[in-house]
Amino acid sequence: MAKVISIHEYVLKPEVDELEFERAVQRAKERGLLQLPGLINLFLTKGIRGSRFGKYAAVWIYESKEAWERLWGPVGHPRAKEDYPENWKTWEDEVIGPYLGQHPDKIVFNTYEEVLV
């Protein structure tokens, strides 16, 4: 079954201590805030080349499009924030939100479906 990969680009506020941001993400992971049905892996990354050099992104890997849609709604009809899983609301509001230069629901992201070749 084809996986779904969602890449979320994070732009931190200028005054943010990057190591504190990284620790906050690690603590959220340890608290179980990033455990979601159908999510099989997650990576916090930092650009080493290109237009996102030095910038952060999270790579979220879901077991399938069906699993991703159960969480976030069908393509073109995303769920409203009030329908997000409770741990995701905490992640956005208490963990990542204070570090970002924009609201967590306004970040740049792209979601891809794996092409099996």
Protein backbone atom coordinates (compact mmCIF):
# COMPACT_ATOMS: atom_id res chain seq x y z
CA MET A 1 0.00 0.00 0.00
CA ALA A 2 1.32 3.45 -0.92
CA LYS A 3 2.42 5.65 1.97
CA VAL A 4 1.56 9.33 2.35
CA ILE A 5 4.38 11.75 3.17
CA SER A 6 3.58 15.22 4.43
CA ILE A 7 6.35 17.81 4.68
CA HIS A 8 5.69 20.76 6.97
CA GLU A 9 8.00 23.76 6.66
CA TYR A 10 8.64 25.60 9.90
CA VAL A 11 9.74 29.23 10.02
CA LEU A 12 10.79 30.09 13.53
CA LYS A 13 10.49 33.52 15.12
CA PRO A 14 13.86 35.32 14.90
CA GLU A 15 14.38 35.29 18.67
CA VAL A 16 13.84 31.52 19.06
CA ASP A 17 16.71 29.45 20.44
CA GLU A 18 16.95 26.57 17.95
CA LEU A 19 18.19 24.06 20.51
CA GLU A 20 15.24 24.86 22.77
CA PHE A 21 12.91 24.33 19.80
CA GLU A 22 14.51 20.96 19.08
CA ARG A 23 14.21 19.97 22.76
CA ALA A 24 10.54 21.00 22.80
CA VAL A 25 9.84 18.74 19.81
CA GLN A 26 11.71 15.87 21.49
CA ARG A 27 9.74 16.36 24.73
CA ALA A 28 6.46 16.39 22.76
CA LYS A 29 7.45 13.12 21.13
CA GLU A 30 8.30 11.60 24.53
CA ARG A 31 4.93 12.77 25.92
CA GLY A 32 3.12 10.93 23.12
CA LEU A 33 1.77 14.09 21.50
CA LEU A 34 2.98 12.93 18.11
CA GLN A 35 1.41 9.48 18.26
CA LEU A 36 -1.37 9.52 15.70
CA PRO A 37 -3.37 6.65 14.19
CA GLY A 38 -1.74 5.64 10.92
CA LEU A 39 1.43 7.68 11.48
CA ILE A 40 4.34 5.29 11.06
CA ASN A 41 7.30 7.68 11.26
CA LEU A 42 8.23 11.28 11.82
CA PHE A 43 11.45 13.22 11.34
CA LEU A 44 12.40 16.74 12.36
CA THR A 45 14.89 17.92 9.76
CA LYS A 46 17.07 20.99 9.21
CA GLY A 47 18.11 22.11 5.74
CA ILE A 48 21.76 21.67 4.76
CA ARG A 49 21.51 22.94 1.19
CA GLY A 50 19.17 24.86 -1.06
CA SER A 51 16.57 27.53 -0.42
CA ARG A 52 15.69 26.05 3.01
CA PHE A 53 19.29 25.98 4.28
CA GLY A 54 19.24 26.22 8.08
CA LYS A 55 15.44 26.03 8.20
CA TYR A 56 13.36 23.29 9.81
CA ALA A 57 10.84 20.90 8.32
CA ALA A 58 8.97 17.94 9.72
CA VAL A 59 8.45 14.85 7.59
CA TRP A 60 5.36 12.88 8.59
CA ILE A 61 4.92 9.40 7.08
CA TYR A 62 1.49 7.75 7.16
CA GLU A 63 0.72 4.14 6.35
CA SER A 64 -1.75 5.05 3.57
CA LYS A 65 -3.91 7.75 2.04
CA GLU A 66 -6.90 6.21 3.80
CA ALA A 67 -5.19 6.53 7.20
CA TRP A 68 -4.17 10.11 6.45
CA GLU A 69 -7.73 11.02 5.36
CA ARG A 70 -9.23 9.46 8.49
CA LEU A 71 -7.12 11.89 10.52
CA TRP A 72 -7.21 15.06 8.43
CA GLY A 73 -10.20 14.67 6.13
CA PRO A 74 -10.40 13.99 2.41
CA VAL A 75 -8.30 15.91 -0.08
CA GLY A 76 -9.92 19.29 -0.64
CA HIS A 77 -12.08 19.04 2.52
CA PRO A 78 -9.77 19.23 5.53
CA ARG A 79 -11.10 18.79 9.04
CA ALA A 80 -11.75 21.86 11.15
CA LYS A 81 -9.34 22.45 14.02
CA GLU A 82 -12.00 21.52 16.58
CA ASP A 83 -12.05 18.03 15.00
CA TYR A 84 -8.28 17.48 15.28
CA PRO A 85 -7.07 14.80 17.71
CA GLU A 86 -6.61 16.29 21.20
CA ASN A 87 -2.87 15.55 21.27
CA TRP A 88 -2.47 17.39 17.94
CA LYS A 89 -4.24 20.46 19.33
CA THR A 90 -1.80 20.43 22.26
CA TRP A 91 1.11 20.01 19.83
CA GLU A 92 0.01 23.03 17.81
CA ASP A 93 -1.13 25.31 20.63
CA GLU A 94 1.34 24.58 23.40
CA VAL A 95 4.42 23.09 21.79
CA ILE A 96 5.11 24.30 18.29
CA GLY A 97 2.90 27.39 18.09
CA PRO A 98 4.99 29.56 20.43
CA TYR A 99 8.10 29.00 18.30
CA LEU A 100 6.61 29.69 14.87
CA GLY A 101 6.46 33.00 13.09
CA GLN A 102 2.92 32.17 11.93
CA HIS A 103 -0.07 30.20 13.17
CA PRO A 104 0.56 26.44 12.91
CA ASP A 105 -2.39 26.03 10.52
CA LYS A 106 -0.82 28.61 8.17
CA ILE A 107 2.53 26.91 7.62
CA VAL A 108 3.65 25.88 4.15
CA PHE A 109 3.24 22.15 3.67
CA ASN A 110 2.94 19.65 0.89
CA THR A 111 1.55 16.15 1.08
CA TYR A 112 2.61 13.41 -1.31
CA GLU A 113 1.44 9.91 -2.05
CA GLU A 114 4.18 7.38 -2.62
CA VAL A 115 4.49 6.11 -6.18
CA LEU A 116 5.47 2.48 -6.19
CA VAL A 117 7.96 1.87 -8.97
